[in-house]
Amino acid sequence: MKNKSRSTPTVSPVDDAVCRLEPDKVAEVSIAAQCQSDANLSSEFKEFISRTLDPDPRVRKQMLKEMCPCRVRADIDLMWARIIELTSDESDIVRDQALHALGDGSPRAMEATVMEIAERLYNDPSDAVRSKARRMVNAYRRTGKWNVL
């Protein structure tokens, strides 16, 4: 009888992350899963998105820094969708970095969404997030500009 070796199926970072998530967090994975299936996105970008699911908030924050519009210099819908999701993260350092990304080069078409998020975070429990949100909202009310970070 021949010894048939069975290959172990590879698990993508997204699939692995889904297994570790609570049921209410699975919606976030949909953005990451969409990125994995998009042939137009680079593998490096896909890795950034999948690492935003990491259980360590410091890793999620670092990935948001790498996805900041001042570095990416591209308007990628899935990137913006993931940044928006991360404004509701349980970690204040992640929410702070996500808000920074929105206030540092988000496209004009996102104006209403960005301001809704800034107003939602206006009374955030974190001093840093609250301060940043208030700076954005107040600048927008005075000047009509929200990309002030």
Foldseek 3Di string as FASTA:
>chain_A
DDDDDDDDDDADLLNVLCVVDDPVCVVLSVLLVVQVPDPPDDPVLSVLSSQCSPPDVVSVLVSLVCLQCVNPVDQDPSSLVNLLVQCPPPDPSSVLSSLLSCLADDDPVCLVVNLVSLVVQCPPPDPSSNVLSVVQNVCCVVPVHRNPD
